[in-house]
PDB file of all heavy atoms in Angstrom:
ATOM      1  N   GLN A   1       7.584 -40.977 -87.930  1.00  0.00           N
ATOM      2  CA  GLN A   1       8.062 -41.067 -89.328  1.00  0.00           C
ATOM      3  C   GLN A   1       8.476 -42.370 -89.691  1.00  0.00           C
ATOM      4  O   GLN A   1       8.848 -43.142 -88.809  1.00  0.00           O
ATOM      5  CB  GLN A   1       8.948 -39.997 -89.497  1.00  0.00           C
ATOM      6  CG  GLN A   1       8.462 -38.438 -89.437  1.00  0.00           C
ATOM      7  CD  GLN A   1       9.718 -37.493 -89.640  1.00  0.00           C
ATOM      8  OE1 GLN A   1      10.204 -37.381 -90.754  1.00  0.00           O
ATOM      9  NE2 GLN A   1      10.014 -36.903 -88.491  1.00  0.00           N
ATOM     10  N   ALA A   2       8.446 -42.652 -90.877  1.00  0.00           N
ATOM     11  CA  ALA A   2       8.803 -43.968 -91.349  1.00  0.00           C
ATOM     12  C   ALA A   2      10.316 -44.439 -90.868  1.00  0.00           C
ATOM     13  O   ALA A   2      11.190 -43.634 -91.042  1.00  0.00           O
ATOM     14  CB  ALA A   2       8.661 -44.127 -92.958  1.00  0.00           C
ATOM     15  N   LEU A   3      10.375 -45.654 -90.482  1.00  0.00           N
ATOM     16  CA  LEU A   3      11.610 -46.374 -90.093  1.00  0.00           C
ATOM     17  C   LEU A   3      12.333 -45.595 -88.925  1.00  0.00           C
ATOM     18  O   LEU A   3      13.649 -45.792 -88.805  1.00  0.00           O
ATOM     19  CB  LEU A   3      12.442 -46.459 -91.354  1.00  0.00           C
ATOM     20  CG  LEU A   3      11.823 -46.973 -92.570  1.00  0.00           C
ATOM     21  CD1 LEU A   3      12.874 -47.272 -93.578  1.00  0.00           C
ATOM     22  CD2 LEU A   3      11.004 -48.211 -92.247  1.00  0.00           C
ATOM     23  N   THR A   4      11.639 -44.874 -88.158  1.00  0.00           N
ATOM     24  CA  THR A   4      12.216 -44.274 -86.879  1.00  0.00           C
ATOM     25  C   THR A   4      11.961 -45.274 -85.686  1.00  0.00           C
ATOM     26  O   THR A   4      11.205 -46.309 -85.966  1.00  0.00           O
ATOM     27  CB  THR A   4      11.510 -42.997 -86.564  1.00  0.00           C
ATOM     28  OG1 THR A   4      10.099 -43.137 -86.425  1.00  0.00           O
ATOM     29  CG2 THR A   4      11.829 -41.969 -87.665  1.00  0.00           C
ATOM     30  N   ASP A   5      12.465 -45.018 -84.560  1.00  0.00           N
ATOM     31  CA  ASP A   5      12.303 -45.843 -83.480  1.00  0.00           C
ATOM     32  C   ASP A   5      10.773 -45.899 -83.081  1.00  0.00           C
ATOM     33  O   ASP A   5      10.288 -46.864 -82.719  1.00  0.00           O
ATOM     34  CB  ASP A   5      13.164 -45.369 -82.243  1.00  0.00           C
ATOM     35  CG  ASP A   5      14.634 -45.658 -82.399  1.00  0.00           C
ATOM     36  OD1 ASP A   5      15.007 -46.329 -83.419  1.00  0.00           O
ATOM     37  OD2 ASP A   5      15.515 -45.094 -81.702  1.00  0.00           O
ATOM     38  N   ALA A   6      10.085 -44.791 -83.234  1.00  0.00           N
ATOM     39  CA  ALA A   6       8.626 -44.698 -82.981  1.00  0.00           C
ATOM     40  C   ALA A   6       7.920 -45.510 -83.824  1.00  0.00           C
ATOM     41  O   ALA A   6       6.987 -46.171 -83.627  1.00  0.00           O
ATOM     42  CB  ALA A   6       8.194 -43.182 -83.053  1.00  0.00           C
ATOM     43  N   ASP A   7       8.336 -45.608 -85.259  1.00  0.00           N
ATOM     44  CA  ASP A   7       7.636 -46.459 -86.156  1.00  0.00           C
ATOM     45  C   ASP A   7       7.930 -47.909 -85.730  1.00  0.00           C
ATOM     46  O   ASP A   7       6.918 -48.757 -85.808  1.00  0.00           O
ATOM     47  CB  ASP A   7       8.228 -46.217 -87.643  1.00  0.00           C
ATOM     48  CG  ASP A   7       7.662 -47.095 -88.689  1.00  0.00           C
ATOM     49  OD1 ASP A   7       6.415 -47.537 -88.465  1.00  0.00           O
ATOM     50  OD2 ASP A   7       8.207 -47.153 -89.742  1.00  0.00           O
ATOM     51  N   ARG A   8       9.044 -48.296 -85.294  1.00  0.00           N
ATOM     52  CA  ARG A   8       9.243 -49.580 -84.896  1.00  0.00           C
ATOM     53  C   ARG A   8       8.322 -50.065 -83.753  1.00  0.00           C
ATOM     54  O   ARG A   8       7.821 -51.084 -83.709  1.00  0.00           O
ATOM     55  CB  ARG A   8      10.751 -49.745 -84.453  1.00  0.00           C
ATOM     56  CG  ARG A   8      10.979 -51.058 -83.742  1.00  0.00           C
ATOM     57  CD  ARG A   8      12.515 -51.364 -83.520  1.00  0.00           C
ATOM     58  NE  ARG A   8      13.147 -50.220 -82.916  1.00  0.00           N
ATOM     59  CZ  ARG A   8      14.457 -50.064 -82.907  1.00  0.00           C
ATOM     60  NH1 ARG A   8      15.305 -50.886 -83.458  1.00  0.00           N
ATOM     61  NH2 ARG A   8      15.081 -49.024 -82.253  1.00  0.00           N
ATOM     62  N   GLU A   9       8.190 -49.023 -82.706  1.00  0.00           N
ATOM     63  CA  GLU A   9       7.273 -49.331 -81.575  1.00  0.00           C
ATOM     64  C   GLU A   9       5.919 -49.488 -81.971  1.00  0.00           C
ATOM     65  O   GLU A   9       5.126 -50.335 -81.510  1.00  0.00           O
ATOM     66  CB  GLU A   9       7.457 -48.174 -80.673  1.00  0.00           C
ATOM     67  CG  GLU A   9       6.789 -48.334 -79.233  1.00  0.00           C
ATOM     68  CD  GLU A   9       6.905 -47.189 -78.285  1.00  0.00           C
ATOM     69  OE1 GLU A   9       7.790 -46.362 -78.577  1.00  0.00           O
ATOM     70  OE2 GLU A   9       6.083 -47.209 -77.347  1.00  0.00           O
ATOM     71  N   GLY A  10       5.450 -48.537 -82.929  1.00  0.00           N
ATOM     72  CA  GLY A  10       4.063 -48.707 -83.474  1.00  0.00           C
ATOM     73  C   GLY A  10       3.762 -49.952 -84.169  1.00  0.00           C
ATOM     74  O   GLY A  10       2.729 -50.568 -83.901  1.00  0.00           O
ATOM     75  N   ARG A  11       4.686 -50.479 -84.966  1.00  0.00           N
ATOM     76  CA  ARG A  11       4.618 -51.717 -85.665  1.00  0.00           C
ATOM     77  C   ARG A  11       4.418 -52.846 -84.652  1.00  0.00           C
ATOM     78  O   ARG A  11       3.692 -53.738 -84.855  1.00  0.00           O
ATOM     79  CB  ARG A  11       5.772 -51.902 -86.488  1.00  0.00           C
ATOM     80  CG  ARG A  11       5.920 -51.032 -87.713  1.00  0.00           C
ATOM     81  CD  ARG A  11       7.270 -51.138 -88.395  1.00  0.00           C
ATOM     82  NE  ARG A  11       7.275 -50.463 -89.514  1.00  0.00           N
ATOM     83  CZ  ARG A  11       7.301 -50.926 -90.846  1.00  0.00           C
ATOM     84  NH1 ARG A  11       6.840 -52.336 -90.901  1.00  0.00           N
ATOM     85  NH2 ARG A  11       7.358 -50.232 -91.930  1.00  0.00           N
ATOM     86  N   ALA A  12       5.320 -52.812 -83.658  1.00  0.00           N
ATOM     87  CA  ALA A  12       5.291 -53.948 -82.671  1.00  0.00           C
ATOM     88  C   ALA A  12       3.897 -53.950 -81.971  1.00  0.00           C
ATOM     89  O   ALA A  12       3.380 -55.023 -81.612  1.00  0.00           O
ATOM     90  CB  ALA A  12       6.423 -53.771 -81.644  1.00  0.00           C
ATOM     91  N   LEU A  13       3.404 -52.778 -81.606  1.00  0.00           N
ATOM     92  CA  LEU A  13       2.042 -52.795 -80.919  1.00  0.00           C
ATOM     93  C   LEU A  13       0.876 -53.328 -81.884  1.00  0.00           C
ATOM     94  O   LEU A  13       0.110 -54.133 -81.466  1.00  0.00           O
ATOM     95  CB  LEU A  13       1.705 -51.311 -80.559  1.00  0.00           C
ATOM     96  CG  LEU A  13       0.284 -51.107 -79.916  1.00  0.00           C
ATOM     97  CD1 LEU A  13       0.010 -51.940 -78.734  1.00  0.00           C
ATOM     98  CD2 LEU A  13       0.087 -49.624 -79.594  1.00  0.00           C
ATOM     99  N   PHE A  14       0.983 -52.863 -83.138  1.00  0.00           N
ATOM    100  CA  PHE A  14       0.046 -53.464 -84.128  1.00  0.00           C
ATOM    101  C   PHE A  14       0.155 -54.876 -84.254  1.00  0.00           C
ATOM    102  O   PHE A  14      -0.804 -55.554 -84.314  1.00  0.00           O
ATOM    103  CB  PHE A  14       0.260 -52.615 -85.462  1.00  0.00           C
ATOM    104  CG  PHE A  14      -0.673 -53.052 -86.625  1.00  0.00           C
ATOM    105  CD1 PHE A  14      -1.961 -53.069 -86.546  1.00  0.00           C
ATOM    106  CD2 PHE A  14      -0.151 -53.594 -87.715  1.00  0.00           C
ATOM    107  CE1 PHE A  14      -2.801 -53.587 -87.457  1.00  0.00           C
ATOM    108  CE2 PHE A  14      -0.864 -54.074 -88.778  1.00  0.00           C
ATOM    109  CZ  PHE A  14      -2.219 -53.962 -88.617  1.00  0.00           C
ATOM    110  N   ARG A  15       1.365 -55.402 -84.272  1.00  0.00           N
ATOM    111  CA  ARG A  15       1.611 -56.837 -84.543  1.00  0.00           C
ATOM    112  C   ARG A  15       0.894 -57.695 -83.288  1.00  0.00           C
ATOM    113  O   ARG A  15       0.201 -58.651 -83.463  1.00  0.00           O
ATOM    114  CB  ARG A  15       3.019 -57.199 -84.733  1.00  0.00           C
ATOM    115  CG  ARG A  15       3.311 -58.605 -84.858  1.00  0.00           C
ATOM    116  CD  ARG A  15       4.672 -58.918 -85.272  1.00  0.00           C
ATOM    117  NE  ARG A  15       4.854 -60.197 -85.868  1.00  0.00           N
ATOM    118  CZ  ARG A  15       5.931 -60.490 -86.727  1.00  0.00           C
ATOM    119  NH1 ARG A  15       6.792 -59.606 -87.024  1.00  0.00           N
ATOM    120  NH2 ARG A  15       5.875 -61.658 -87.471  1.00  0.00           N
ATOM    121  N   ARG A  16       1.173 -57.079 -82.140  1.00  0.00           N
ATOM    122  CA  ARG A  16       0.677 -57.745 -80.977  1.00  0.00           C
ATOM    123  C   ARG A  16      -0.882 -57.889 -81.070  1.00  0.00           C
ATOM    124  O   ARG A  16      -1.457 -58.850 -80.726  1.00  0.00           O
ATOM    125  CB  ARG A  16       1.050 -57.059 -79.586  1.00  0.00           C
ATOM    126  CG  ARG A  16       2.529 -57.282 -79.363  1.00  0.00           C
ATOM    127  CD  ARG A  16       2.839 -56.885 -77.889  1.00  0.00           C
ATOM    128  NE  ARG A  16       2.602 -55.454 -77.524  1.00  0.00           N
ATOM    129  CZ  ARG A  16       3.352 -54.433 -77.771  1.00  0.00           C
ATOM    130  NH1 ARG A  16       4.642 -54.600 -78.297  1.00  0.00           N
ATOM    131  NH2 ARG A  16       3.119 -53.204 -77.344  1.00  0.00           N
ATOM    132  N   TRP A  17      -1.589 -56.721 -81.493  1.00  0.00           N
ATOM    133  CA  TRP A  17      -2.991 -56.664 -81.489  1.00  0.00           C
ATOM    134  C   TRP A  17      -3.350 -57.651 -82.570  1.00  0.00           C
ATOM    135  O   TRP A  17      -4.535 -58.365 -82.356  1.00  0.00           O
ATOM    136  CB  TRP A  17      -3.426 -55.217 -81.883  1.00  0.00           C
ATOM    137  CG  TRP A  17      -3.377 -54.214 -80.867  1.00  0.00           C
ATOM    138  CD1 TRP A  17      -3.360 -54.644 -79.405  1.00  0.00           C
ATOM    139  CD2 TRP A  17      -3.386 -52.809 -80.727  1.00  0.00           C
ATOM    140  NE1 TRP A  17      -3.423 -53.430 -78.631  1.00  0.00           N
ATOM    141  CE2 TRP A  17      -3.419 -52.373 -79.501  1.00  0.00           C
ATOM    142  CE3 TRP A  17      -3.455 -51.988 -81.851  1.00  0.00           C
ATOM    143  CZ2 TRP A  17      -3.526 -50.923 -79.211  1.00  0.00           C
ATOM    144  CZ3 TRP A  17      -3.437 -50.646 -81.532  1.00  0.00           C
ATOM    145  CH2 TRP A  17      -3.407 -50.118 -80.268  1.00  0.00           C
ATOM    146  N   CYS A  18      -2.738 -57.726 -83.745  1.00  0.00           N
ATOM    147  CA  CYS A  18      -3.249 -58.614 -84.783  1.00  0.00           C
ATOM    148  C   CYS A  18      -3.098 -60.108 -84.339  1.00  0.00           C
ATOM    149  O   CYS A  18      -4.011 -60.929 -84.500  1.00  0.00           O
ATOM    150  CB  CYS A  18      -2.350 -58.342 -86.012  1.00  0.00           C
ATOM    151  SG  CYS A  18      -2.544 -56.755 -86.876  1.00  0.00           S
ATOM    152  N   GLU A  19      -1.983 -60.438 -83.659  1.00  0.00           N
ATOM    153  CA  GLU A  19      -1.785 -61.830 -83.233  1.00  0.00           C
ATOM    154  C   GLU A  19      -2.821 -62.160 -82.163  1.00  0.00           C
ATOM    155  O   GLU A  19      -3.304 -63.223 -82.114  1.00  0.00           O
ATOM    156  CB  GLU A  19      -0.453 -62.023 -82.807  1.00  0.00           C
ATOM    157  CG  GLU A  19       0.549 -62.039 -83.966  1.00  0.00           C
ATOM    158  CD  GLU A  19       2.138 -62.066 -83.600  1.00  0.00           C
ATOM    159  OE1 GLU A  19       2.343 -61.968 -82.414  1.00  0.00           O
ATOM    160  OE2 GLU A  19       3.003 -62.366 -84.469  1.00  0.00           O
ATOM    161  N   ALA A  20      -3.098 -61.151 -81.316  1.00  0.00           N
ATOM    162  CA  ALA A  20      -4.132 -61.438 -80.326  1.00  0.00           C
ATOM    163  C   ALA A  20      -5.430 -61.643 -80.860  1.00  0.00           C
ATOM    164  O   ALA A  20      -6.373 -62.314 -80.345  1.00  0.00           O
ATOM    165  CB  ALA A  20      -4.175 -60.173 -79.259  1.00  0.00           C
ATOM    166  N   ALA A  21      -5.662 -61.170 -82.071  1.00  0.00           N
ATOM    167  CA  ALA A  21      -7.006 -61.395 -82.802  1.00  0.00           C
ATOM    168  C   ALA A  21      -7.045 -62.613 -83.623  1.00  0.00           C
ATOM    169  O   ALA A  21      -7.910 -62.871 -84.516  1.00  0.00           O
ATOM    170  CB  ALA A  21      -7.354 -60.092 -83.551  1.00  0.00           C
ATOM    171  N   GLY A  22      -5.896 -63.419 -83.515  1.00  0.00           N
ATOM    172  CA  GLY A  22      -5.776 -64.638 -84.152  1.00  0.00           C
ATOM    173  C   GLY A  22      -5.282 -64.529 -85.632  1.00  0.00           C
ATOM    174  O   GLY A  22      -5.439 -65.632 -86.331  1.00  0.00           O
ATOM    175  N   MET A  23      -4.729 -63.372 -85.984  1.00  0.00           N
ATOM    176  CA  MET A  23      -4.224 -63.351 -87.356  1.00  0.00           C
ATOM    177  C   MET A  23      -2.700 -63.710 -87.446  1.00  0.00           C
ATOM    178  O   MET A  23      -2.056 -63.470 -86.480  1.00  0.00           O
ATOM    179  CB  MET A  23      -4.358 -61.902 -87.881  1.00  0.00           C
ATOM    180  CG  MET A  23      -5.866 -61.458 -88.186  1.00  0.00           C
ATOM    181  SD  MET A  23      -6.048 -59.877 -88.937  1.00  0.00           S
ATOM    182  CE  MET A  23      -5.906 -58.847 -87.490  1.00  0.00           C
ATOM    183  N   SER A  24      -2.263 -64.223 -88.552  1.00  0.00           N
ATOM    184  CA  SER A  24      -0.930 -64.433 -88.825  1.00  0.00           C
ATOM    185  C   SER A  24      -0.408 -63.204 -89.537  1.00  0.00           C
ATOM    186  O   SER A  24      -1.012 -62.636 -90.327  1.00  0.00           O
ATOM    187  CB  SER A  24      -0.720 -65.711 -89.721  1.00  0.00           C
ATOM    188  OG  SER A  24      -1.469 -65.583 -90.960  1.00  0.00           O
ATOM    189  N   VAL A  25       0.825 -62.848 -89.241  1.00  0.00           N
ATOM    190  CA  VAL A  25       1.422 -61.522 -89.755  1.00  0.00           C
ATOM    191  C   VAL A  25       2.695 -61.920 -90.619  1.00  0.00           C
ATOM    192  O   VAL A  25       3.667 -62.631 -90.036  1.00  0.00           O
ATOM    193  CB  VAL A  25       1.773 -60.528 -88.638  1.00  0.00           C
ATOM    194  CG1 VAL A  25       2.349 -59.352 -89.168  1.00  0.00           C
ATOM    195  CG2 VAL A  25       0.609 -60.217 -87.806  1.00  0.00           C
ATOM    196  N   ALA A  26       2.667 -61.514 -91.824  1.00  0.00           N
ATOM    197  CA  ALA A  26       3.878 -61.638 -92.740  1.00  0.00           C
ATOM    198  C   ALA A  26       4.343 -60.251 -93.065  1.00  0.00           C
ATOM    199  O   ALA A  26       3.593 -59.194 -93.036  1.00  0.00           O
ATOM    200  CB  ALA A  26       3.441 -62.231 -94.063  1.00  0.00           C
ATOM    201  N   VAL A  27       5.699 -60.228 -93.377  1.00  0.00           N
ATOM    202  CA  VAL A  27       6.317 -58.911 -93.660  1.00  0.00           C
ATOM    203  C   VAL A  27       7.082 -59.029 -94.860  1.00  0.00           C
ATOM    204  O   VAL A  27       7.953 -60.042 -94.999  1.00  0.00           O
ATOM    205  CB  VAL A  27       7.202 -58.446 -92.451  1.00  0.00           C
ATOM    206  CG1 VAL A  27       7.904 -57.107 -92.694  1.00  0.00           C
ATOM    207  CG2 VAL A  27       6.475 -58.481 -91.134  1.00  0.00           C
ATOM    208  N   ASP A  28       7.080 -58.165 -95.713  1.00  0.00           N
ATOM    209  CA  ASP A  28       7.765 -58.152 -97.050  1.00  0.00           C
ATOM    210  C   ASP A  28       9.104 -57.386 -96.896  1.00  0.00           C
ATOM    211  O   ASP A  28       9.440 -56.839 -95.859  1.00  0.00           O
ATOM    212  CB  ASP A  28       6.910 -57.862 -98.228  1.00  0.00           C
ATOM    213  CG  ASP A  28       6.619 -56.436 -98.459  1.00  0.00           C
ATOM    214  OD1 ASP A  28       7.211 -55.548 -97.657  1.00  0.00           O
ATOM    215  OD2 ASP A  28       5.781 -56.037 -99.193  1.00  0.00           O
ATOM    216  N   ARG A  29       9.855 -57.429 -98.028  1.00  0.00           N
ATOM    217  CA  ARG A  29      11.216 -56.881 -97.854  1.00  0.00           C
ATOM    218  C   ARG A  29      11.083 -55.295 -97.995  1.00  0.00           C
ATOM    219  O   ARG A  29      12.124 -54.704 -97.634  1.00  0.00           O
ATOM    220  CB  ARG A  29      12.033 -57.246 -99.240  1.00  0.00           C
ATOM    221  CG  ARG A  29      12.392 -58.716 -99.106  1.00  0.00           C
ATOM    222  CD  ARG A  29      13.093 -59.244-100.339  1.00  0.00           C
ATOM    223  NE  ARG A  29      14.410 -58.592-100.253  1.00  0.00           N
ATOM    224  CZ  ARG A  29      15.371 -58.623-101.271  1.00  0.00           C
ATOM    225  NH1 ARG A  29      14.984 -59.177-102.455  1.00  0.00           N
ATOM    226  NH2 ARG A  29      16.615 -58.094-101.104  1.00  0.00           N
ATOM    227  N   MET A  30       9.927 -54.700 -98.058  1.00  0.00           N
ATOM    228  CA  MET A  30       9.795 -53.283 -97.899  1.00  0.00           C
ATOM    229  C   MET A  30       9.288 -52.993 -96.449  1.00  0.00           C
ATOM    230  O   MET A  30       8.999 -51.792 -96.169  1.00  0.00           O
ATOM    231  CB  MET A  30       8.915 -52.768 -98.942  1.00  0.00           C
ATOM    232  CG  MET A  30       9.404 -52.399-100.303  1.00  0.00           C
ATOM    233  SD  MET A  30      10.697 -51.204-100.186  1.00  0.00           S
ATOM    234  CE  MET A  30       9.736 -49.695 -99.924  1.00  0.00           C
ATOM    235  N   GLY A  31       9.117 -53.918 -95.650  1.00  0.00           N
ATOM    236  CA  GLY A  31       8.672 -53.730 -94.293  1.00  0.00           C
ATOM    237  C   GLY A  31       7.118 -53.673 -94.178  1.00  0.00           C
ATOM    238  O   GLY A  31       6.532 -53.388 -93.137  1.00  0.00           O
ATOM    239  N   THR A  32       6.428 -53.932 -95.346  1.00  0.00           N
ATOM    240  CA  THR A  32       4.963 -53.760 -95.210  1.00  0.00           C
ATOM    241  C   THR A  32       4.448 -55.112 -94.463  1.00  0.00           C
ATOM    242  O   THR A  32       4.826 -56.114 -94.741  1.00  0.00           O
ATOM    243  CB  THR A  32       4.324 -53.685 -96.629  1.00  0.00           C
ATOM    244  OG1 THR A  32       4.810 -52.441 -97.345  1.00  0.00           O
ATOM    245  CG2 THR A  32       2.848 -53.704 -96.570  1.00  0.00           C
ATOM    246  N   MET A  33       3.427 -54.879 -93.553  1.00  0.00           N
ATOM    247  CA  MET A  33       2.818 -55.801 -92.735  1.00  0.00           C
ATOM    248  C   MET A  33       1.545 -56.259 -93.312  1.00  0.00           C
ATOM    249  O   MET A  33       0.707 -55.413 -93.647  1.00  0.00           O
ATOM    250  CB  MET A  33       2.673 -55.249 -91.346  1.00  0.00           C
ATOM    251  CG  MET A  33       3.854 -54.810 -90.732  1.00  0.00           C
ATOM    252  SD  MET A  33       3.637 -53.841 -89.111  1.00  0.00           S
ATOM    253  CE  MET A  33       3.094 -55.286 -88.118  1.00  0.00           C
ATOM    254  N   PHE A  34       1.357 -57.680 -93.481  1.00  0.00           N
ATOM    255  CA  PHE A  34       0.108 -58.242 -93.882  1.00  0.00           C
ATOM    256  C   PHE A  34      -0.415 -59.096 -92.884  1.00  0.00           C
ATOM    257  O   PHE A  34       0.237 -60.229 -92.627  1.00  0.00           O
ATOM    258  CB  PHE A  34       0.345 -59.067 -95.168  1.00  0.00           C
ATOM    259  CG  PHE A  34       1.058 -58.212 -96.346  1.00  0.00           C
ATOM    260  CD1 PHE A  34       2.318 -58.110 -96.465  1.00  0.00           C
ATOM    261  CD2 PHE A  34       0.220 -57.462 -97.129  1.00  0.00           C
ATOM    262  CE1 PHE A  34       2.845 -57.375 -97.563  1.00  0.00           C
ATOM    263  CE2 PHE A  34       0.714 -56.654 -98.159  1.00  0.00           C
ATOM    264  CZ  PHE A  34       2.051 -56.600 -98.414  1.00  0.00           C
ATOM    265  N   ALA A  35      -1.444 -58.746 -92.229  1.00  0.00           N
ATOM    266  CA  ALA A  35      -2.094 -59.677 -91.064  1.00  0.00           C
ATOM    267  C   ALA A  35      -3.272 -60.404 -91.758  1.00  0.00           C
ATOM    268  O   ALA A  35      -4.230 -59.663 -92.266  1.00  0.00           O
ATOM    269  CB  ALA A  35      -2.577 -58.739 -89.975  1.00  0.00           C
ATOM    270  N   ARG A  36      -3.322 -61.658 -91.741  1.00  0.00           N
ATOM    271  CA  ARG A  36      -4.286 -62.550 -92.512  1.00  0.00           C
ATOM    272  C   ARG A  36      -5.245 -63.251 -91.421  1.00  0.00           C
ATOM    273  O   ARG A  36      -4.824 -63.783 -90.530  1.00  0.00           O
ATOM    274  CB  ARG A  36      -3.588 -63.467 -93.337  1.00  0.00           C
ATOM    275  CG  ARG A  36      -4.407 -64.485 -94.036  1.00  0.00           C
ATOM    276  CD  ARG A  36      -3.646 -65.403 -94.879  1.00  0.00           C
ATOM    277  NE  ARG A  36      -4.531 -66.442 -95.652  1.00  0.00           N
ATOM    278  CZ  ARG A  36      -4.587 -66.498 -96.913  1.00  0.00           C
ATOM    279  NH1 ARG A  36      -4.074 -65.585 -97.648  1.00  0.00           N
ATOM    280  NH2 ARG A  36      -5.303 -67.579 -97.434  1.00  0.00           N
ATOM    281  N   ARG A  37      -6.597 -62.985 -91.824  1.00  0.00           N
ATOM    282  CA  ARG A  37      -7.641 -63.684 -91.133  1.00  0.00           C
ATOM    283  C   ARG A  37      -8.062 -64.871 -92.096  1.00  0.00           C
ATOM    284  O   ARG A  37      -8.475 -64.400 -93.225  1.00  0.00           O
ATOM    285  CB  ARG A  37      -8.669 -62.767 -90.759  1.00  0.00           C
ATOM    286  CG  ARG A  37      -9.831 -63.586 -89.899  1.00  0.00           C
ATOM    287  CD  ARG A  37     -10.969 -62.568 -89.645  1.00  0.00           C
ATOM    288  NE  ARG A  37     -11.868 -62.971 -88.561  1.00  0.00           N
ATOM    289  CZ  ARG A  37     -13.018 -63.737 -88.853  1.00  0.00           C
ATOM    290  NH1 ARG A  37     -13.388 -64.035 -90.079  1.00  0.00           N
ATOM    291  NH2 ARG A  37     -13.809 -64.147 -87.802  1.00  0.00           N
ATOM    292  N   GLU A  38      -7.904 -65.981 -91.838  1.00  0.00           N
ATOM    293  CA  GLU A  38      -8.109 -67.092 -92.661  1.00  0.00           C
ATOM    294  C   GLU A  38      -9.648 -67.259 -93.082  1.00  0.00           C
ATOM    295  O   GLU A  38     -10.506 -66.937 -92.342  1.00  0.00           O
ATOM    296  CB  GLU A  38      -7.714 -68.483 -92.113  1.00  0.00           C
ATOM    297  CG  GLU A  38      -7.482 -69.502 -93.121  1.00  0.00           C
ATOM    298  CD  GLU A  38      -6.541 -68.963 -94.394  1.00  0.00           C
ATOM    299  OE1 GLU A  38      -5.298 -69.164 -94.192  1.00  0.00           O
ATOM    300  OE2 GLU A  38      -7.085 -68.491 -95.391  1.00  0.00           O
ATOM    301  N   GLY A  39      -9.914 -67.671 -94.312  1.00  0.00           N
ATOM    302  CA  GLY A  39     -11.235 -67.867 -94.841  1.00  0.00           C
ATOM    303  C   GLY A  39     -11.629 -69.272 -95.093  1.00  0.00           C
ATOM    304  O   GLY A  39     -10.677 -70.239 -94.815  1.00  0.00           O
ATOM    305  N   ALA A  40     -12.763 -69.666 -95.262  1.00  0.00           N
ATOM    306  CA  ALA A  40     -13.166 -70.986 -95.402  1.00  0.00           C
ATOM    307  C   ALA A  40     -12.562 -71.569 -96.621  1.00  0.00           C
ATOM    308  O   ALA A  40     -12.362 -72.865 -96.585  1.00  0.00           O
ATOM    309  CB  ALA A  40     -14.776 -71.123 -95.467  1.00  0.00           C
TER     310      ALA A  40
END
């Protein structure tokens, strides 16, 4: 469920995967995660 310890753990795993794929990760004040793959 949202904002539980399990949510925190799932977010951290997702962030690691995104960064391993070369994406930059931004987070807004609602905690929404935005992983960006740059374009030309």
